[in-house]
């Protein structure tokens, strides 16, 4: 089992400019971190069902508010640690601000949502979360499991300390504190079927 993205190019360390030049025409998405480029894995059916459900709910609930959700084609950069990545869902409030090095890469999300797959869950919970903590604007990091009813919501305060709230029952509701909205787990997992 792969716990984090596999290195895509081994020859040497790459500059951000080289990464972006290779990434723009690529049909496969890659992460960049401190000179290394990593291939990102594809998503299974449950992952896609969860994405469609939560993204749809967020779009409806955020209509008319200053926050807007974007899908996994939205490239994000964390200048504080060099990471370029594509979160499953990122929510930006009060407009978009692009990276200083690329107009198609954005910085300063308020919320990041990752849908956990067997091949990425350890990375999303560990190293990637630690990298996300460097985002000054980040208020919430939500991880939604695609193999079981399980949502982990980290709420990050001004001191960069986080509080974890876990949800394991479809009767529960996921609260997005920074935006003042709720999404029922029954809506998130509406079309998901788990293997027996």
C-alpha atoms as a PDB file:
ATOM      1  CA  UNK A   1       0.000   0.000   0.000  1.00  0.00           C
ATOM      2  CA  UNK A   2       1.317   3.415  -0.955  1.00  0.00           C
ATOM      3  CA  UNK A   3       1.090   5.903   1.899  1.00  0.00           C
ATOM      4  CA  UNK A   4       2.020   8.994  -0.064  1.00  0.00           C
ATOM      5  CA  UNK A   5       2.415  10.001  -3.708  1.00  0.00           C
ATOM      6  CA  UNK A   6       5.172   8.224  -5.626  1.00  0.00           C
ATOM      7  CA  UNK A   7       8.112  10.255  -6.894  1.00  0.00           C
ATOM      8  CA  UNK A   8       7.477  10.893 -10.586  1.00  0.00           C
ATOM      9  CA  UNK A   9      10.880  12.233 -11.645  1.00  0.00           C
ATOM     10  CA  UNK A  10      14.040  10.888  -9.961  1.00  0.00           C
ATOM     11  CA  UNK A  11      16.892  12.498 -11.854  1.00  0.00           C
ATOM     12  CA  UNK A  12      17.401  15.680  -9.857  1.00  0.00           C
ATOM     13  CA  UNK A  13      15.748  18.461  -7.898  1.00  0.00           C
ATOM     14  CA  UNK A  14      13.478  20.703  -9.933  1.00  0.00           C
ATOM     15  CA  UNK A  15      12.780  24.388  -9.604  1.00  0.00           C
ATOM     16  CA  UNK A  16       9.202  25.620  -9.183  1.00  0.00           C
ATOM     17  CA  UNK A  17       9.399  27.071 -12.692  1.00  0.00           C
ATOM     18  CA  UNK A  18      10.429  23.690 -14.147  1.00  0.00           C
ATOM     19  CA  UNK A  19       7.610  21.960 -12.286  1.00  0.00           C
ATOM     20  CA  UNK A  20       5.010  24.430 -13.559  1.00  0.00           C
ATOM     21  CA  UNK A  21       6.333  24.188 -17.133  1.00  0.00           C
ATOM     22  CA  UNK A  22       5.952  20.384 -17.008  1.00  0.00           C
ATOM     23  CA  UNK A  23       2.624  20.461 -15.167  1.00  0.00           C
ATOM     24  CA  UNK A  24       0.688  22.781 -17.495  1.00  0.00           C
ATOM     25  CA  UNK A  25       0.602  20.381 -20.496  1.00  0.00           C
ATOM     26  CA  UNK A  26       0.435  17.220 -18.358  1.00  0.00           C
ATOM     27  CA  UNK A  27      -2.669  15.010 -18.404  1.00  0.00           C
ATOM     28  CA  UNK A  28      -1.706  13.630 -14.967  1.00  0.00           C
ATOM     29  CA  UNK A  29      -1.608  15.838 -11.866  1.00  0.00           C
ATOM     30  CA  UNK A  30       1.569  16.060  -9.800  1.00  0.00           C
ATOM     31  CA  UNK A  31       2.487  17.511  -6.439  1.00  0.00           C
ATOM     32  CA  UNK A  32       5.682  19.478  -5.934  1.00  0.00           C
ATOM     33  CA  UNK A  33       7.553  19.681  -2.647  1.00  0.00           C
ATOM     34  CA  UNK A  34      11.071  21.004  -2.031  1.00  0.00           C
ATOM     35  CA  UNK A  35      12.369  20.171  -5.494  1.00  0.00           C
ATOM     36  CA  UNK A  36      10.690  16.789  -5.905  1.00  0.00           C
ATOM     37  CA  UNK A  37       7.706  15.993  -8.129  1.00  0.00           C
ATOM     38  CA  UNK A  38       5.174  13.333  -7.123  1.00  0.00           C
ATOM     39  CA  UNK A  39       2.470  11.665  -9.228  1.00  0.00           C
ATOM     40  CA  UNK A  40      -1.025  11.825  -7.723  1.00  0.00           C
ATOM     41  CA  UNK A  41      -3.253   8.752  -7.756  1.00  0.00           C
ATOM     42  CA  UNK A  42      -6.684   8.514  -9.338  1.00  0.00           C
ATOM     43  CA  UNK A  43      -9.956   8.222  -7.425  1.00  0.00           C
ATOM     44  CA  UNK A  44     -12.407   5.324  -7.008  1.00  0.00           C
ATOM     45  CA  UNK A  45     -16.215   5.323  -7.214  1.00  0.00           C
ATOM     46  CA  UNK A  46     -16.873   6.017  -3.508  1.00  0.00           C
ATOM     47  CA  UNK A  47     -14.414   8.908  -3.615  1.00  0.00           C
ATOM     48  CA  UNK A  48     -16.256  10.406  -6.581  1.00  0.00           C
ATOM     49  CA  UNK A  49     -19.695   9.879  -5.017  1.00  0.00           C
ATOM     50  CA  UNK A  50     -18.592  11.642  -1.835  1.00  0.00           C
ATOM     51  CA  UNK A  51     -17.010  14.460  -3.832  1.00  0.00           C
ATOM     52  CA  UNK A  52     -20.184  15.029  -5.855  1.00  0.00           C
ATOM     53  CA  UNK A  53     -22.389  15.006  -2.762  1.00  0.00           C
ATOM     54  CA  UNK A  54     -20.330  17.295  -0.525  1.00  0.00           C
ATOM     55  CA  UNK A  55     -19.418  19.675  -3.359  1.00  0.00           C
ATOM     56  CA  UNK A  56     -23.084  19.986  -4.335  1.00  0.00           C
ATOM     57  CA  UNK A  57     -24.140  20.638  -0.733  1.00  0.00           C
ATOM     58  CA  UNK A  58     -21.429  23.266  -0.281  1.00  0.00           C
ATOM     59  CA  UNK A  59     -22.328  25.027  -3.526  1.00  0.00           C
ATOM     60  CA  UNK A  60     -25.964  25.346  -2.414  1.00  0.00           C
ATOM     61  CA  UNK A  61     -25.197  26.409   1.154  1.00  0.00           C
ATOM     62  CA  UNK A  62     -22.537  28.958   0.172  1.00  0.00           C
ATOM     63  CA  UNK A  63     -24.644  30.687  -2.474  1.00  0.00           C
ATOM     64  CA  UNK A  64     -24.664  34.410  -1.753  1.00  0.00           C
ATOM     65  CA  UNK A  65     -21.859  34.097   0.829  1.00  0.00           C
ATOM     66  CA  UNK A  66     -18.262  35.338   0.372  1.00  0.00           C
ATOM     67  CA  UNK A  67     -16.896  31.760   0.280  1.00  0.00           C
ATOM     68  CA  UNK A  68     -16.729  29.536  -2.808  1.00  0.00           C
ATOM     69  CA  UNK A  69     -15.744  25.846  -3.160  1.00  0.00           C
ATOM     70  CA  UNK A  70     -13.420  24.567  -5.886  1.00  0.00           C
ATOM     71  CA  UNK A  71     -12.654  21.006  -6.982  1.00  0.00           C
ATOM     72  CA  UNK A  72      -9.461  19.044  -7.432  1.00  0.00           C
ATOM     73  CA  UNK A  73      -8.395  20.805 -10.626  1.00  0.00           C
ATOM     74  CA  UNK A  74      -7.664  23.944  -8.570  1.00  0.00           C
ATOM     75  CA  UNK A  75      -3.919  23.953  -7.920  1.00  0.00           C
ATOM     76  CA  UNK A  76      -2.887  25.362  -4.557  1.00  0.00           C
ATOM     77  CA  UNK A  77       0.519  26.515  -3.322  1.00  0.00           C
ATOM     78  CA  UNK A  78       1.799  26.975   0.208  1.00  0.00           C
ATOM     79  CA  UNK A  79       4.646  29.522  -0.152  1.00  0.00           C
ATOM     80  CA  UNK A  80       5.688  28.868   3.458  1.00  0.00           C
ATOM     81  CA  UNK A  81       6.875  25.324   2.639  1.00  0.00           C
ATOM     82  CA  UNK A  82       6.905  25.122  -1.223  1.00  0.00           C
ATOM     83  CA  UNK A  83       4.081  22.548  -1.573  1.00  0.00           C
ATOM     84  CA  UNK A  84       2.025  22.652  -4.779  1.00  0.00           C
ATOM     85  CA  UNK A  85      -0.952  20.314  -4.613  1.00  0.00           C
ATOM     86  CA  UNK A  86      -4.558  19.744  -5.674  1.00  0.00           C
ATOM     87  CA  UNK A  87      -6.871  19.322  -2.652  1.00  0.00           C
ATOM     88  CA  UNK A  88     -10.071  17.380  -3.348  1.00  0.00           C
ATOM     89  CA  UNK A  89     -12.030  20.495  -2.337  1.00  0.00           C
ATOM     90  CA  UNK A  90     -10.692  23.879  -1.298  1.00  0.00           C
ATOM     91  CA  UNK A  91     -12.871  26.748  -0.149  1.00  0.00           C
ATOM     92  CA  UNK A  92     -11.690  30.309  -0.640  1.00  0.00           C
ATOM     93  CA  UNK A  93     -13.366  33.224   1.116  1.00  0.00           C
ATOM     94  CA  UNK A  94     -13.300  36.871   0.053  1.00  0.00           C
ATOM     95  CA  UNK A  95     -11.968  36.215  -3.445  1.00  0.00           C
ATOM     96  CA  UNK A  96      -9.057  34.337  -4.967  1.00  0.00           C
ATOM     97  CA  UNK A  97      -5.425  35.294  -4.579  1.00  0.00           C
ATOM     98  CA  UNK A  98      -3.002  33.691  -6.988  1.00  0.00           C
ATOM     99  CA  UNK A  99       0.551  32.633  -6.250  1.00  0.00           C
ATOM    100  CA  UNK A 100       3.351  35.094  -6.963  1.00  0.00           C
ATOM    101  CA  UNK A 101       4.914  32.557  -9.334  1.00  0.00           C
ATOM    102  CA  UNK A 102       1.836  31.415 -11.280  1.00  0.00           C
ATOM    103  CA  UNK A 103      -1.534  32.977 -12.097  1.00  0.00           C
ATOM    104  CA  UNK A 104      -3.236  29.554 -12.304  1.00  0.00           C
ATOM    105  CA  UNK A 105      -2.128  28.525  -8.801  1.00  0.00           C
ATOM    106  CA  UNK A 106      -3.895  29.889  -5.741  1.00  0.00           C
ATOM    107  CA  UNK A 107      -2.986  30.524  -2.109  1.00  0.00           C
ATOM    108  CA  UNK A 108      -4.765  31.214   1.187  1.00  0.00           C
ATOM    109  CA  UNK A 109      -7.737  28.808   1.324  1.00  0.00           C
ATOM    110  CA  UNK A 110     -10.027  28.956   4.370  1.00  0.00           C
ATOM    111  CA  UNK A 111     -11.060  25.274   4.314  1.00  0.00           C
ATOM    112  CA  UNK A 112      -9.483  22.158   2.770  1.00  0.00           C
ATOM    113  CA  UNK A 113     -11.367  18.881   2.360  1.00  0.00           C
ATOM    114  CA  UNK A 114      -9.589  15.631   1.490  1.00  0.00           C
ATOM    115  CA  UNK A 115     -11.495  12.443   0.703  1.00  0.00           C
ATOM    116  CA  UNK A 116      -9.458   9.576   2.117  1.00  0.00           C
ATOM    117  CA  UNK A 117      -8.618   6.627  -0.106  1.00  0.00           C
ATOM    118  CA  UNK A 118      -6.727   3.478   0.944  1.00  0.00           C
ATOM    119  CA  UNK A 119      -3.606   4.678  -0.896  1.00  0.00           C
ATOM    120  CA  UNK A 120      -3.598   8.243   0.488  1.00  0.00           C
ATOM    121  CA  UNK A 121      -5.158   8.222   3.969  1.00  0.00           C
ATOM    122  CA  UNK A 122      -1.878   7.949   5.912  1.00  0.00           C
ATOM    123  CA  UNK A 123      -0.329  10.759   3.873  1.00  0.00           C
ATOM    124  CA  UNK A 124      -3.429  12.980   4.195  1.00  0.00           C
ATOM    125  CA  UNK A 125      -3.578  12.449   7.971  1.00  0.00           C
ATOM    126  CA  UNK A 126       0.161  12.824   8.552  1.00  0.00           C
ATOM    127  CA  UNK A 127       2.685  14.639   6.393  1.00  0.00           C
ATOM    128  CA  UNK A 128       0.150  16.476   4.251  1.00  0.00           C
ATOM    129  CA  UNK A 129      -1.775  17.754   7.270  1.00  0.00           C
ATOM    130  CA  UNK A 130       1.494  19.019   8.769  1.00  0.00           C
ATOM    131  CA  UNK A 131       2.190  20.901   5.538  1.00  0.00           C
ATOM    132  CA  UNK A 132      -1.349  22.315   5.473  1.00  0.00           C
ATOM    133  CA  UNK A 133      -0.828  23.681   9.001  1.00  0.00           C
ATOM    134  CA  UNK A 134       1.618  26.193   7.490  1.00  0.00           C
ATOM    135  CA  UNK A 135      -1.243  27.953   5.651  1.00  0.00           C
ATOM    136  CA  UNK A 136      -1.895  31.175   7.632  1.00  0.00           C
ATOM    137  CA  UNK A 137      -5.509  31.476   6.401  1.00  0.00           C
ATOM    138  CA  UNK A 138      -6.565  27.853   7.052  1.00  0.00           C
ATOM    139  CA  UNK A 139      -9.430  27.551   9.553  1.00  0.00           C
ATOM    140  CA  UNK A 140     -10.634  23.978   8.944  1.00  0.00           C
ATOM    141  CA  UNK A 141      -9.201  20.735   7.590  1.00  0.00           C
ATOM    142  CA  UNK A 142     -11.806  18.050   6.922  1.00  0.00           C
ATOM    143  CA  UNK A 143     -10.998  14.410   6.085  1.00  0.00           C
ATOM    144  CA  UNK A 144     -13.832  12.210   4.806  1.00  0.00           C
ATOM    145  CA  UNK A 145     -13.215   8.450   4.663  1.00  0.00           C
ATOM    146  CA  UNK A 146     -14.336   6.675   1.493  1.00  0.00           C
ATOM    147  CA  UNK A 147     -14.286   3.181   3.072  1.00  0.00           C
ATOM    148  CA  UNK A 148     -16.394   3.772   6.192  1.00  0.00           C
ATOM    149  CA  UNK A 149     -18.623   6.367   7.841  1.00  0.00           C
ATOM    150  CA  UNK A 150     -15.902   8.550   9.301  1.00  0.00           C
ATOM    151  CA  UNK A 151     -15.327  12.297   9.121  1.00  0.00           C
ATOM    152  CA  UNK A 152     -12.475  14.001  10.967  1.00  0.00           C
ATOM    153  CA  UNK A 153     -12.838  17.769  11.266  1.00  0.00           C
ATOM    154  CA  UNK A 154      -9.933  19.834  12.557  1.00  0.00           C
ATOM    155  CA  UNK A 155     -10.765  23.376  13.599  1.00  0.00           C
ATOM    156  CA  UNK A 156      -7.701  25.629  13.680  1.00  0.00           C
ATOM    157  CA  UNK A 157      -7.577  28.716  15.875  1.00  0.00           C
ATOM    158  CA  UNK A 158      -5.511  31.911  15.597  1.00  0.00           C
ATOM    159  CA  UNK A 159      -2.680  30.348  17.634  1.00  0.00           C
ATOM    160  CA  UNK A 160      -2.541  27.499  15.057  1.00  0.00           C
ATOM    161  CA  UNK A 161      -3.787  24.965  17.605  1.00  0.00           C
ATOM    162  CA  UNK A 162      -6.359  22.517  16.277  1.00  0.00           C
ATOM    163  CA  UNK A 163      -9.370  20.853  17.852  1.00  0.00           C
ATOM    164  CA  UNK A 164     -10.571  17.534  16.423  1.00  0.00           C
ATOM    165  CA  UNK A 165     -14.231  16.577  16.121  1.00  0.00           C
ATOM    166  CA  UNK A 166     -14.955  13.092  14.742  1.00  0.00           C
ATOM    167  CA  UNK A 167     -18.217  11.842  13.228  1.00  0.00           C
ATOM    168  CA  UNK A 168     -18.958   8.113  12.875  1.00  0.00           C
ATOM    169  CA  UNK A 169     -22.750   8.072  12.502  1.00  0.00           C
ATOM    170  CA  UNK A 170     -24.946   9.180   9.605  1.00  0.00           C
ATOM    171  CA  UNK A 171     -27.287  10.808  12.141  1.00  0.00           C
ATOM    172  CA  UNK A 172     -24.573  13.391  12.836  1.00  0.00           C
ATOM    173  CA  UNK A 173     -23.929  16.718  11.135  1.00  0.00           C
ATOM    174  CA  UNK A 174     -20.628  18.185   9.975  1.00  0.00           C
ATOM    175  CA  UNK A 175     -20.311  21.840  10.985  1.00  0.00           C
ATOM    176  CA  UNK A 176     -18.161  24.281   9.033  1.00  0.00           C
ATOM    177  CA  UNK A 177     -17.542  26.748  11.860  1.00  0.00           C
ATOM    178  CA  UNK A 178     -15.704  29.348   9.781  1.00  0.00           C
ATOM    179  CA  UNK A 179     -18.622  29.685   7.358  1.00  0.00           C
ATOM    180  CA  UNK A 180     -21.582  29.030   9.646  1.00  0.00           C
ATOM    181  CA  UNK A 181     -23.024  26.107   7.673  1.00  0.00           C
ATOM    182  CA  UNK A 182     -23.835  22.445   8.405  1.00  0.00           C
ATOM    183  CA  UNK A 183     -23.929  19.369   6.157  1.00  0.00           C
ATOM    184  CA  UNK A 184     -25.580  16.141   7.297  1.00  0.00           C
ATOM    185  CA  UNK A 185     -23.515  12.964   6.994  1.00  0.00           C
ATOM    186  CA  UNK A 186     -26.520  11.348   5.304  1.00  0.00           C
ATOM    187  CA  UNK A 187     -26.038  13.874   2.493  1.00  0.00           C
ATOM    188  CA  UNK A 188     -22.273  13.327   2.319  1.00  0.00           C
ATOM    189  CA  UNK A 189     -22.584   9.521   2.098  1.00  0.00           C
ATOM    190  CA  UNK A 190     -25.886   9.466   0.170  1.00  0.00           C
ATOM    191  CA  UNK A 191     -24.863   7.200  -2.740  1.00  0.00           C
ATOM    192  CA  UNK A 192     -21.866   5.458  -1.183  1.00  0.00           C
ATOM    193  CA  UNK A 193     -21.835   1.674  -0.924  1.00  0.00           C
ATOM    194  CA  UNK A 194     -19.297  -0.023   1.295  1.00  0.00           C
ATOM    195  CA  UNK A 195     -17.867  -3.465   0.726  1.00  0.00           C
ATOM    196  CA  UNK A 196     -19.119  -6.031   3.232  1.00  0.00           C
END
